[in-house]
Amino acid sequence: MEIALSRLCGPDDVITPVSAEDEALRQELGYPGPQNTAIPAHLVRPFDRLRGWLSRQPPQFVNHATAEYVQRHVDPEIWRSYFKFCFERNPYDKAISRYFWSTREASRPRPIADFLGHAKRRQISNWQIYTVRDEIAVDFVGRFEHLQEDLIAALAQLGLEVELPLPRAKSRYRRDKRHYSQVLDSSSRALVERMCARELAAFGYPWEGAPQ
């Protein structure tokens, strides 16, 4: 999604860096790369300035920045008037993808139940990314399950009727393609439901059996 949307960006827009592998893909497609990531000095709060000084990294926009972080570092009128959207994914399926992504370099990865049992909430849940004070802070939440359709709907809100093909990125790491109900045992299911209770309730994702 980040790679595809960068195609629509102009020279004054913010484009955040992605992984080296994905940057290579973006360059291959001829889309603009990272630009304008530095946060304007007048929008940097003392706490962020101190944290930047301690880490020796100036405050900047990064990919997967939370809505709260963005809100804090853009002009209030921009936050109020811009159309903001994101995408959510079935938490059960997302947990499995996260497991395969996190263990992609392991020759003998630990079982998924063990991984989930030790995972932090932010590794499994994206709720904190698009909410502020536990409330959804964006104007539209699309679903990964019908990605292209919802992307078209989001762009239509901006008056953009363009064909925006989505490149295949990070899609080759999941080795077990079975339905999530065949991958997660009862304890893993319970862990996902505890860590993702808010998005499960907000978007009504049910636990479903494997299609027949």
Protein backbone atom coordinates (compact mmCIF):
# COMPACT_ATOMS: atom_id res chain seq x y z
CA MET A 1 0.00 0.00 0.00
CA GLU A 2 2.79 2.44 0.86
CA ILE A 3 4.59 1.67 -2.37
CA ALA A 4 1.44 2.06 -4.47
CA LEU A 5 0.37 5.34 -2.85
CA SER A 6 3.80 6.90 -3.38
CA ARG A 7 2.99 6.91 -7.09
CA LEU A 8 0.38 9.61 -6.41
CA CYS A 9 2.66 11.84 -4.36
CA GLY A 10 4.11 15.16 -5.50
CA PRO A 11 7.40 16.82 -4.56
CA ASP A 12 5.96 18.47 -1.43
CA ASP A 13 4.37 15.32 0.01
CA VAL A 14 5.81 13.18 2.79
CA ILE A 15 6.95 9.71 1.72
CA THR A 16 8.42 7.59 4.49
CA PRO A 17 11.15 4.96 3.99
CA VAL A 18 10.31 1.28 3.83
CA SER A 19 12.62 -1.74 4.01
CA ALA A 20 15.57 -1.94 1.62
CA GLU A 21 13.86 -4.77 -0.24
CA ASP A 22 10.66 -2.76 -0.68
CA GLU A 23 12.59 0.38 -1.63
CA ALA A 24 14.21 -1.61 -4.43
CA LEU A 25 10.74 -2.63 -5.61
CA ARG A 26 9.52 0.96 -5.46
CA GLN A 27 12.52 2.14 -7.45
CA GLU A 28 12.00 -0.61 -10.01
CA LEU A 29 8.42 0.63 -10.51
CA GLY A 30 9.70 4.17 -11.01
CA TYR A 31 7.80 5.64 -8.06
CA PRO A 32 9.27 8.44 -5.90
CA GLY A 33 11.15 7.33 -2.79
CA PRO A 34 11.53 8.78 0.72
CA GLN A 35 11.22 12.55 0.92
CA ASN A 36 10.26 15.35 3.32
CA THR A 37 10.48 13.08 6.36
CA ALA A 38 11.96 15.71 8.70
CA ILE A 39 9.40 17.19 11.05
CA PRO A 40 9.34 21.02 10.87
CA ALA A 41 11.11 22.51 13.86
CA HIS A 42 8.09 24.55 15.00
CA LEU A 43 6.06 21.33 15.32
CA VAL A 44 8.65 19.45 17.39
CA ARG A 45 7.65 19.43 21.04
CA PRO A 46 10.28 19.64 23.80
CA PHE A 47 9.85 15.98 24.76
CA ASP A 48 10.37 14.82 21.17
CA ARG A 49 13.33 17.15 20.77
CA LEU A 50 14.93 15.70 23.89
CA ARG A 51 14.25 12.14 22.78
CA GLY A 52 15.76 12.93 19.37
CA TRP A 53 18.83 14.40 21.01
CA LEU A 54 19.27 11.36 23.27
CA SER A 55 18.87 8.92 20.37
CA ARG A 56 20.89 11.13 18.00
CA GLN A 57 18.05 10.84 15.51
CA PRO A 58 16.14 14.03 14.67
CA PRO A 59 12.36 13.70 14.91
CA GLN A 60 10.95 12.52 11.60
CA PHE A 61 8.00 10.79 10.03
CA VAL A 62 8.42 7.03 9.74
CA ASN A 63 6.27 4.31 8.24
CA HIS A 64 3.76 2.77 10.65
CA ALA A 65 3.76 6.00 12.68
CA THR A 66 0.73 6.11 14.93
CA ALA A 67 -2.16 8.48 14.34
CA GLU A 68 -1.30 10.13 17.64
CA TYR A 69 2.28 10.76 16.49
CA VAL A 70 1.15 12.20 13.16
CA GLN A 71 -1.47 14.38 14.82
CA ARG A 72 1.18 15.75 17.15
CA HIS A 73 3.54 16.66 14.32
CA VAL A 74 1.38 18.22 11.63
CA ASP A 75 -0.43 21.52 11.51
CA PRO A 76 -3.82 21.19 13.27
CA GLU A 77 -5.62 22.35 10.12
CA ILE A 78 -3.95 19.58 8.10
CA TRP A 79 -5.05 16.97 10.63
CA ARG A 80 -8.59 18.36 10.69
CA SER A 81 -9.08 18.75 6.95
CA TYR A 82 -7.15 15.86 5.40
CA PHE A 83 -8.93 12.60 4.59
CA LYS A 84 -7.26 9.92 6.68
CA PHE A 85 -7.55 6.21 6.00
CA CYS A 86 -5.91 2.91 6.86
CA PHE A 87 -6.47 -0.82 6.46
CA GLU A 88 -7.17 -3.53 9.01
CA ARG A 89 -6.85 -7.28 8.62
CA ASN A 90 -8.57 -10.26 10.18
CA PRO A 91 -6.63 -10.56 13.47
CA TYR A 92 -6.46 -14.35 13.33
CA ASP A 93 -4.93 -14.29 9.88
CA LYS A 94 -2.72 -11.33 10.75
CA ALA A 95 -1.25 -13.14 13.75
CA ILE A 96 -0.17 -16.02 11.52
CA SER A 97 1.40 -13.68 8.98
CA ARG A 98 3.23 -11.88 11.78
CA TYR A 99 4.62 -15.21 12.98
CA PHE A 100 6.01 -16.11 9.57
CA TRP A 101 7.41 -12.61 9.07
CA SER A 102 9.12 -12.58 12.48
CA THR A 103 10.60 -16.07 12.00
CA ARG A 104 11.47 -15.71 8.31
CA GLU A 105 15.22 -16.01 8.92
CA ALA A 106 15.06 -18.86 11.44
CA SER A 107 16.21 -22.24 10.15
CA ARG A 108 14.10 -24.02 12.76
CA PRO A 109 11.41 -21.56 13.91
CA ARG A 110 9.67 -22.23 17.20
CA PRO A 111 6.03 -23.34 17.04
CA ILE A 112 3.48 -20.62 16.42
CA ALA A 113 1.77 -21.26 19.76
CA ASP A 114 5.06 -20.58 21.55
CA PHE A 115 5.67 -17.42 19.50
CA LEU A 116 2.21 -16.03 20.22
CA GLY A 117 2.52 -16.92 23.88
CA HIS A 118 5.52 -14.59 24.17
CA ALA A 119 4.45 -11.91 21.67
CA LYS A 120 3.77 -8.34 22.74
CA ARG A 121 0.37 -6.83 22.00
CA ARG A 122 1.81 -4.32 19.49
CA GLN A 123 3.23 -7.22 17.48
CA ILE A 124 -0.21 -8.69 16.93
CA SER A 125 -2.59 -5.74 17.21
CA ASN A 126 -2.55 -2.56 15.08
CA TRP A 127 -5.27 -0.86 17.11
CA GLN A 128 -2.84 1.64 18.60
CA ILE A 129 -1.73 2.79 15.13
CA TYR A 130 -5.03 4.23 13.91
CA THR A 131 -6.60 5.27 17.22
CA VAL A 132 -6.08 8.20 19.56
CA ARG A 133 -7.06 7.76 23.20
CA ASP A 134 -8.60 4.42 22.26
CA GLU A 135 -10.92 5.97 19.64
CA ILE A 136 -10.62 5.40 15.89
CA ALA A 137 -8.97 8.58 14.57
CA VAL A 138 -9.21 8.02 10.81
CA ASP A 139 -12.08 8.68 8.42
CA PHE A 140 -12.11 5.29 6.72
CA VAL A 141 -10.87 1.83 7.67
CA GLY A 142 -10.61 -0.53 4.71
CA ARG A 143 -10.32 -4.30 4.98
CA PHE A 144 -7.36 -6.32 3.80
CA GLU A 145 -9.82 -9.00 2.73
CA HIS A 146 -11.09 -6.73 -0.09
CA LEU A 147 -8.07 -4.52 -0.43
CA GLN A 148 -8.38 -3.29 -4.00
CA GLU A 149 -12.10 -2.54 -3.70
CA ASP A 150 -11.67 -0.54 -0.51
CA LEU A 151 -8.64 1.30 -1.87
CA ILE A 152 -10.74 2.44 -4.83
CA ALA A 153 -13.43 3.61 -2.38
CA ALA A 154 -10.88 5.54 -0.30
CA LEU A 155 -9.34 7.23 -3.33
CA ALA A 156 -12.81 8.14 -4.59
CA GLN A 157 -13.28 10.14 -1.39
CA LEU A 158 -10.36 12.25 -2.60
CA GLY A 159 -11.73 12.60 -6.10
CA LEU A 160 -9.07 10.27 -7.48
CA GLU A 161 -10.37 7.83 -10.05
CA VAL A 162 -7.10 6.16 -10.96
CA GLU A 163 -6.01 2.60 -11.50
CA LEU A 164 -3.54 1.87 -8.74
CA PRO A 165 -2.17 -1.68 -8.95
CA LEU A 166 -0.81 -3.03 -5.69
CA PRO A 167 2.65 -4.61 -5.96
CA ARG A 168 3.31 -7.92 -4.25
CA ALA A 169 5.47 -7.17 -1.22
CA LYS A 170 6.14 -9.34 1.85
CA SER A 171 3.87 -12.04 0.45
CA ARG A 172 6.27 -14.93 0.12
CA TYR A 173 7.10 -15.56 3.76
CA ARG A 174 3.96 -17.37 4.88
CA ARG A 175 4.73 -21.02 4.31
CA ASP A 176 1.53 -22.47 5.76
CA LYS A 177 -1.34 -21.33 3.52
CA ARG A 178 -4.06 -23.20 5.40
CA HIS A 179 -7.09 -21.40 6.81
CA TYR A 180 -6.34 -19.81 10.18
CA SER A 181 -8.71 -22.18 11.99
CA GLN A 182 -6.44 -25.04 10.94
CA VAL A 183 -3.25 -23.28 12.09
CA LEU A 184 -4.22 -21.80 15.46
CA ASP A 185 -4.99 -24.09 18.37
CA SER A 186 -7.43 -23.12 21.10
CA SER A 187 -4.81 -21.41 23.28
CA SER A 188 -3.46 -19.40 20.34
CA ARG A 189 -6.98 -18.39 19.38
CA ALA A 190 -7.60 -17.20 22.94
CA LEU A 191 -4.39 -15.14 22.91
CA VAL A 192 -5.33 -13.43 19.65
CA GLU A 193 -8.82 -12.71 20.96
CA ARG A 194 -7.40 -11.18 24.12
CA MET A 195 -4.81 -8.99 22.36
CA CYS A 196 -7.13 -7.95 19.54
CA ALA A 197 -10.39 -7.69 21.47
CA ARG A 198 -10.92 -4.06 20.46
CA GLU A 199 -10.64 -4.55 16.70
CA LEU A 200 -12.59 -7.81 16.82
CA ALA A 201 -15.42 -5.89 18.47
CA ALA A 202 -15.11 -2.81 16.26
CA PHE A 203 -15.10 -4.65 12.94
CA GLY A 204 -17.03 -7.80 13.79
CA TYR A 205 -14.47 -10.37 12.70
CA PRO A 206 -15.90 -13.77 13.70
CA TRP A 207 -14.00 -17.00 14.21
CA GLU A 208 -14.81 -19.09 11.15
CA GLY A 209 -14.05 -22.65 10.20
CA ALA A 210 -12.12 -23.59 7.08
CA PRO A 211 -14.14 -23.32 3.85
CA GLN A 212 -15.43 -26.67 2.65
